[in-house]
N, C-alpha and C. Protein backbone atom coordinates (compact mmCIF):
# COMPACT_ATOMS: atom_id res chain seq x y z
N MET A 1 0.54 -1.31 0.09
CA MET A 1 -0.03 -0.16 -0.02
C MET A 1 1.08 1.36 -0.11
N LEU A 2 1.97 1.35 1.02
CA LEU A 2 2.70 2.48 1.05
C LEU A 2 3.66 2.76 -0.45
N ILE A 3 3.74 1.19 -1.35
CA ILE A 3 4.58 1.74 -2.40
C ILE A 3 3.56 2.20 -3.43
N MET A 4 1.93 1.78 -3.65
CA MET A 4 1.57 2.23 -4.15
C MET A 4 1.19 3.66 -4.10
N PHE A 5 0.82 4.12 -2.49
CA PHE A 5 0.79 5.87 -2.19
C PHE A 5 2.05 6.66 -2.90
N LEU A 6 3.24 5.81 -2.83
CA LEU A 6 4.65 6.51 -3.04
C LEU A 6 4.72 6.73 -4.77
N LEU A 7 4.50 5.97 -5.54
CA LEU A 7 4.35 5.87 -6.78
C LEU A 7 3.23 6.63 -7.17
N GLY A 8 1.91 6.77 -6.48
CA GLY A 8 1.02 8.18 -6.94
C GLY A 8 1.57 9.46 -6.79
N LEU A 9 2.42 9.28 -5.69
CA LEU A 9 3.26 10.68 -5.44
C LEU A 9 4.01 11.48 -6.28
N ILE A 10 4.96 10.26 -7.06
CA ILE A 10 6.01 10.22 -7.71
C ILE A 10 5.26 10.73 -9.36
N PHE A 11 4.45 10.25 -9.59
CA PHE A 11 3.75 10.26 -10.65
C PHE A 11 2.73 11.55 -10.90
N GLY A 12 2.32 11.97 -9.90
CA GLY A 12 1.40 13.47 -9.23
C GLY A 12 2.64 14.43 -9.45
N ILE A 13 3.49 14.61 -9.33
CA ILE A 13 4.58 15.31 -9.00
C ILE A 13 5.10 15.48 -10.87
N ILE A 14 5.51 14.48 -11.33
CA ILE A 14 5.91 14.36 -12.68
C ILE A 14 5.03 15.19 -13.36
N PHE A 15 3.69 14.75 -13.54
CA PHE A 15 2.57 15.30 -13.93
C PHE A 15 2.21 16.51 -13.64
N ILE A 16 2.52 17.21 -12.81
CA ILE A 16 2.39 18.70 -12.34
C ILE A 16 3.66 19.44 -12.59
N ALA A 17 4.92 19.00 -12.54
CA ALA A 17 6.24 19.47 -13.11
C ALA A 17 5.94 19.44 -14.76
N GLY A 18 5.24 18.75 -15.68
CA GLY A 18 4.98 18.49 -16.65
C GLY A 18 4.01 19.53 -17.28
N ILE A 19 2.96 20.02 -16.81
CA ILE A 19 2.09 21.02 -17.01
C ILE A 19 2.85 22.27 -16.54
N PHE A 20 3.33 22.44 -15.64
CA PHE A 20 3.91 23.80 -15.35
C PHE A 20 5.15 23.96 -16.68
N ALA A 21 5.63 22.91 -17.16
CA ALA A 21 6.60 23.14 -17.94
C ALA A 21 5.89 23.79 -19.26
N LEU A 22 4.73 22.55 -19.84
CA LEU A 22 4.01 23.11 -21.02
C LEU A 22 3.24 24.68 -21.01
N SER A 23 2.82 24.76 -20.17
CA SER A 23 2.12 26.15 -19.56
C SER A 23 2.92 27.28 -20.29
N ARG A 24 4.47 27.08 -19.72
CA ARG A 24 5.40 28.15 -19.72
C ARG A 24 5.94 28.20 -20.98
N LEU A 25 5.72 27.13 -21.84
CA LEU A 25 6.22 26.85 -23.25
C LEU A 25 5.14 27.62 -24.29
N ILE A 26 3.63 27.56 -23.68
CA ILE A 26 2.51 27.51 -24.44
C ILE A 26 2.49 29.48 -24.13
N LEU A 27 3.03 29.86 -22.87
CA LEU A 27 3.00 31.63 -22.71
C LEU A 27 4.06 32.18 -23.16
N GLU A 28 5.18 31.47 -23.19
CA GLU A 28 6.42 32.37 -23.66
C GLU A 28 6.59 31.92 -25.25
N TYR A 29 7.03 30.90 -25.47
CA TYR A 29 7.55 30.74 -26.56
C TYR A 29 6.54 31.03 -28.44
N PRO A 30 4.73 31.30 -27.91
CA PRO A 30 4.40 31.68 -29.31
C PRO A 30 5.02 33.39 -29.34
N GLU A 31 5.00 33.85 -28.64
CA GLU A 31 5.54 35.65 -28.83
C GLU A 31 6.98 35.71 -29.08
N GLU A 32 7.79 34.61 -28.73
CA GLU A 32 9.01 34.85 -29.56
C GLU A 32 8.72 34.36 -31.23
N GLU A 33 7.83 33.38 -31.51
CA GLU A 33 7.88 32.51 -32.46
C GLU A 33 6.99 33.46 -33.52
N VAL A 34 6.29 34.41 -33.08
CA VAL A 34 5.17 35.36 -33.61
C VAL A 34 6.40 36.28 -34.18
N GLU A 35 6.95 36.86 -33.42
CA GLU A 35 7.97 37.83 -33.64
C GLU A 35 9.01 37.22 -34.74
N LYS A 36 9.56 36.03 -34.62
CA LYS A 36 10.19 35.52 -35.72
C LYS A 36 9.72 35.29 -37.17
N GLN A 37 8.52 34.87 -37.27
CA GLN A 37 7.43 34.82 -38.15
C GLN A 37 7.61 36.05 -39.01
N GLN A 38 7.34 37.43 -38.07
CA GLN A 38 6.60 38.80 -38.65
C GLN A 38 8.22 38.92 -39.54
N ILE A 39 9.61 38.74 -39.09
CA ILE A 39 10.59 39.07 -39.69
C ILE A 39 10.99 38.15 -40.93
N ASN A 40 11.01 36.53 -40.64
CA ASN A 40 11.31 35.81 -41.49
C ASN A 40 10.72 35.42 -42.64
N HIS A 41 9.14 35.34 -42.51
CA HIS A 41 8.24 35.27 -43.26
C HIS A 41 6.73 36.11 -42.94
N PRO A 42 6.43 37.13 -42.91
CA PRO A 42 5.61 37.68 -42.85
C PRO A 42 4.15 37.16 -43.56
N THR A 43 3.23 37.58 -42.85
CA THR A 43 2.22 37.13 -43.49
C THR A 43 1.43 37.60 -45.07
N HIS A 44 1.84 38.78 -44.77
CA HIS A 44 1.35 39.90 -46.25
C HIS A 44 2.50 39.27 -47.82
N TYR A 45 3.18 38.32 -47.50
CA TYR A 45 4.26 37.65 -48.35
C TYR A 45 3.65 36.33 -48.41
N ASN A 46 3.03 35.57 -47.82
CA ASN A 46 2.43 34.25 -47.72
C ASN A 46 0.82 34.44 -47.72
N ILE A 47 0.59 34.15 -49.19
CA ILE A 47 -0.55 34.05 -49.35
C ILE A 47 -1.24 32.76 -49.91
N PRO A 48 -2.34 32.56 -49.04
CA PRO A 48 -2.71 31.16 -48.86
C PRO A 48 -3.13 30.57 -50.85
N GLY A 49 -2.68 29.26 -50.90
CA GLY A 49 -2.47 28.53 -52.01
C GLY A 49 -1.53 29.04 -52.62
N ARG A 50 -0.54 29.81 -52.51
CA ARG A 50 0.64 30.07 -53.30
C ARG A 50 1.89 29.87 -52.38
N LYS A 51 2.67 29.92 -53.16
CA LYS A 51 4.07 30.09 -52.20
C LYS A 51 5.07 31.16 -52.28
N GLU A 52 5.56 31.27 -50.72
CA GLU A 52 6.00 32.49 -50.45
C GLU A 52 6.58 33.54 -51.83
N CYS A 53 6.36 34.72 -51.41
CA CYS A 53 6.74 35.63 -52.60
C CYS A 53 8.21 35.33 -53.04
N ILE A 54 9.12 34.92 -52.29
CA ILE A 54 10.31 34.84 -52.60
C ILE A 54 10.65 33.52 -53.44
N VAL A 55 10.05 32.74 -53.02
CA VAL A 55 9.96 31.22 -53.55
C VAL A 55 9.83 31.60 -55.02
N GLU A 56 8.21 32.09 -55.24
CA GLU A 56 7.95 32.25 -56.57
C GLU A 56 8.91 33.17 -57.12
N MET A 57 9.34 34.47 -56.77
CA MET A 57 10.34 35.28 -57.53
C MET A 57 11.89 34.43 -57.90
N GLU A 58 12.05 33.78 -57.20
CA GLU A 58 13.29 32.55 -57.59
C GLU A 58 12.64 31.78 -58.90
N GLU A 59 11.69 31.23 -59.08
CA GLU A 59 11.41 30.31 -59.81
C GLU A 59 11.18 30.99 -61.01
N LYS A 60 10.43 32.41 -60.97
CA LYS A 60 10.57 33.15 -62.20
C LYS A 60 11.27 33.83 -63.11
N PHE A 61 12.24 34.19 -61.44
CA PHE A 61 13.49 35.40 -62.26
C PHE A 61 14.47 34.70 -62.07
N GLY A 62 15.00 33.57 -61.58
CA GLY A 62 15.91 32.68 -61.55
C GLY A 62 16.68 33.07 -59.73
N PRO A 63 17.51 32.47 -59.87
CA PRO A 63 18.24 32.46 -58.21
C PRO A 63 19.14 33.82 -58.27
N LEU A 64 19.82 33.69 -59.49
CA LEU A 64 20.86 35.15 -59.34
C LEU A 64 20.02 36.53 -59.35
N ALA A 65 19.19 36.26 -59.97
CA ALA A 65 18.28 37.71 -59.70
C ALA A 65 17.67 38.24 -58.24
N VAL A 66 17.26 36.85 -57.85
CA VAL A 66 17.01 36.83 -56.21
C VAL A 66 18.21 37.12 -55.10
N TYR A 67 19.23 36.62 -55.68
CA TYR A 67 20.54 36.89 -55.11
C TYR A 67 20.64 38.25 -54.87
N HIS A 68 20.39 39.29 -56.38
CA HIS A 68 21.26 40.73 -56.13
C HIS A 68 19.61 41.37 -55.33
N PHE A 69 18.35 40.87 -55.98
CA PHE A 69 17.65 41.14 -54.93
C PHE A 69 17.69 41.33 -53.05
N CYS A 70 18.51 40.19 -52.91
CA CYS A 70 18.61 40.19 -51.21
C CYS A 70 19.73 40.81 -51.15
N ILE A 71 20.47 41.13 -51.91
CA ILE A 71 21.75 41.82 -51.45
C ILE A 71 20.87 43.29 -51.28
N CYS A 72 20.32 43.73 -52.64
CA CYS A 72 19.96 45.43 -52.35
C CYS A 72 18.94 45.84 -51.00
N ASN A 73 18.14 44.75 -50.59
CA ASN A 73 17.25 44.45 -49.58
C ASN A 73 18.28 44.70 -48.45
N ASN A 74 18.86 43.84 -48.32
CA ASN A 74 19.45 44.06 -47.29
C ASN A 74 20.38 45.51 -46.87
N TYR A 75 21.16 45.98 -48.17
CA TYR A 75 21.72 47.27 -48.13
C TYR A 75 20.45 48.30 -47.52
N LYS A 76 18.93 48.43 -48.42
CA LYS A 76 18.11 49.09 -47.76
C LYS A 76 17.70 49.06 -46.15
N TYR A 77 17.45 47.75 -45.92
CA TYR A 77 17.03 47.51 -44.70
C TYR A 77 18.43 48.22 -43.31
N VAL A 78 19.55 48.29 -43.76
CA VAL A 78 20.45 48.19 -42.68
C VAL A 78 20.59 50.12 -42.70
N TYR A 79 20.18 50.48 -44.00
CA TYR A 79 20.77 52.16 -44.49
C TYR A 79 19.65 52.66 -43.85
N ARG A 80 18.32 52.50 -44.00
CA ARG A 80 17.28 53.40 -43.08
C ARG A 80 16.78 52.71 -41.53
N ALA A 81 17.52 51.58 -41.32
CA ALA A 81 17.30 50.71 -39.95
C ALA A 81 17.03 52.36 -38.64
N GLY A 82 15.79 51.80 -38.44
CA GLY A 82 15.38 52.81 -37.37
C GLY A 82 14.69 53.91 -37.80
N GLU A 83 14.47 53.90 -39.17
CA GLU A 83 14.14 56.10 -39.36
C GLU A 83 12.50 55.56 -39.94
N LYS A 84 12.23 54.31 -40.24
CA LYS A 84 10.98 54.28 -40.69
C LYS A 84 9.99 54.12 -39.21
N GLU A 85 9.15 55.23 -39.10
CA GLU A 85 8.19 55.16 -38.07
C GLU A 85 7.39 53.59 -37.94
N SER A 86 6.93 52.71 -38.84
CA SER A 86 6.15 51.66 -38.20
C SER A 86 7.17 50.49 -38.06
N THR A 87 8.48 50.41 -38.00
CA THR A 87 9.35 49.53 -37.59
C THR A 87 10.32 50.15 -36.43
N THR A 88 11.06 49.42 -36.02
CA THR A 88 12.25 49.54 -34.54
C THR A 88 13.57 49.15 -35.71
N GLU A 89 14.53 49.86 -34.93
CA GLU A 89 15.87 49.86 -35.57
C GLU A 89 16.29 48.04 -35.40
N SER A 90 15.90 47.73 -34.17
CA SER A 90 16.12 46.17 -34.19
C SER A 90 15.75 45.69 -35.21
N ASP A 91 14.10 45.45 -35.39
CA ASP A 91 13.42 44.77 -36.72
C ASP A 91 14.18 44.92 -37.96
N ASP A 92 14.40 45.98 -38.29
CA ASP A 92 15.15 46.56 -39.42
C ASP A 92 16.32 45.81 -39.66
N MET A 93 17.33 45.39 -38.54
CA MET A 93 18.72 44.88 -38.66
C MET A 93 17.99 43.45 -38.61
N LYS A 94 17.51 42.90 -37.75
CA LYS A 94 16.95 41.77 -38.10
C LYS A 94 16.59 40.85 -39.60
N LYS A 95 15.71 41.70 -39.98
CA LYS A 95 15.39 41.76 -41.88
C LYS A 95 16.61 41.74 -42.70
N ALA A 96 17.56 42.81 -42.44
CA ALA A 96 18.68 42.72 -43.08
C ALA A 96 19.76 41.62 -43.07
N GLY A 97 19.38 41.12 -42.15
CA GLY A 97 20.06 39.68 -41.37
C GLY A 97 19.75 38.52 -42.03
N TRP A 98 18.13 39.01 -42.55
CA TRP A 98 17.24 38.00 -43.13
C TRP A 98 17.79 38.02 -44.37
N TYR A 99 17.71 38.84 -44.94
CA TYR A 99 17.92 39.13 -46.62
C TYR A 99 19.38 38.52 -46.66
N ALA A 100 20.65 38.93 -46.08
CA ALA A 100 22.13 38.19 -45.78
C ALA A 100 22.01 36.76 -45.93
N LYS A 101 21.51 36.23 -44.92
CA LYS A 101 21.00 35.12 -44.76
C LYS A 101 20.99 34.01 -45.93
N TYR A 102 19.98 34.80 -46.59
CA TYR A 102 19.12 34.16 -47.85
C TYR A 102 19.68 34.48 -49.34
N ALA A 103 20.52 35.71 -49.03
CA ALA A 103 21.39 35.77 -50.40
C ALA A 103 22.69 34.53 -50.15
N ASP A 104 22.94 34.21 -48.78
CA ASP A 104 24.13 33.42 -48.70
C ASP A 104 23.93 32.36 -49.18
N GLU A 105 22.66 31.47 -49.07
CA GLU A 105 22.18 30.60 -49.40
C GLU A 105 21.88 30.25 -50.57
N ILE A 106 21.52 31.08 -51.11
CA ILE A 106 21.39 31.15 -52.80
C ILE A 106 22.71 31.24 -53.26
N TYR A 107 23.73 31.90 -52.91
CA TYR A 107 25.00 31.96 -53.54
C TYR A 107 25.62 30.57 -53.65
N LYS A 108 25.26 29.52 -52.05
CA LYS A 108 26.04 28.42 -52.18
C LYS A 108 25.34 27.76 -53.52
N ARG A 109 23.98 27.52 -53.25
CA ARG A 109 22.97 27.16 -54.27
C ARG A 109 23.78 27.18 -55.64
N ILE A 110 23.77 28.62 -55.97
CA ILE A 110 24.65 28.53 -57.33
C ILE A 110 25.87 28.11 -57.50
N GLY A 111 26.59 28.14 -56.46
CA GLY A 111 27.94 27.49 -56.61
C GLY A 111 27.62 26.27 -56.79
N GLU A 112 27.11 24.83 -56.08
CA GLU A 112 26.66 23.92 -56.40
C GLU A 112 26.00 23.58 -57.71
N GLU A 113 25.04 24.36 -57.95
CA GLU A 113 24.89 24.11 -59.42
C GLU A 113 25.96 24.32 -60.60
N ASN A 114 26.42 25.15 -60.49
CA ASN A 114 27.86 25.61 -61.26
C ASN A 114 28.44 24.68 -61.27
N LYS A 115 28.67 23.98 -60.18
CA LYS A 115 30.08 22.78 -60.12
C LYS A 115 29.36 21.29 -60.77
N CYS A 116 28.06 21.18 -60.68
CA CYS A 116 27.18 20.14 -61.09
C CYS A 116 27.25 20.43 -62.47
N GLN A 117 26.82 21.85 -63.09
CA GLN A 117 27.16 21.76 -64.52
C GLN A 117 28.25 21.24 -65.18
N SER A 118 29.20 21.96 -64.70
CA SER A 118 30.58 21.70 -65.04
C SER A 118 31.68 20.00 -64.86
N GLY A 119 30.79 19.60 -64.04
CA GLY A 119 31.14 18.24 -63.84
C GLY A 119 32.05 17.92 -62.85
N GLU A 120 32.46 19.22 -61.93
CA GLU A 120 33.01 18.93 -60.49
C GLU A 120 32.43 18.08 -59.90
N ASN A 121 33.66 17.59 -58.91
CA ASN A 121 32.58 17.04 -57.55
C ASN A 121 32.67 17.60 -56.56
């Protein structure tokens, strides 16, 4: 009987700790995730039933054009960081960083495609 009581107590504590941890995730995580989504994948560039705008741009205009677009947008966000009334300097710098990272990813893909086309390993 004592063993059953102790097991129940242990499972109860684990259950309560799990609920506490889950509630912290629910309360804290979404705000960070919402901010990240607003910077990385804003809703105005994600129309239901279509691909994200930058993905469609790459398909339509090619990776090199989108690479240059990203480089220019990176420059624009750094240049005007904190000057636009509707955004903070921090948000502008995060967006500039997003464009720099995306440009880097495209640059690497272009390099890999060129290696494949030239027969390099």
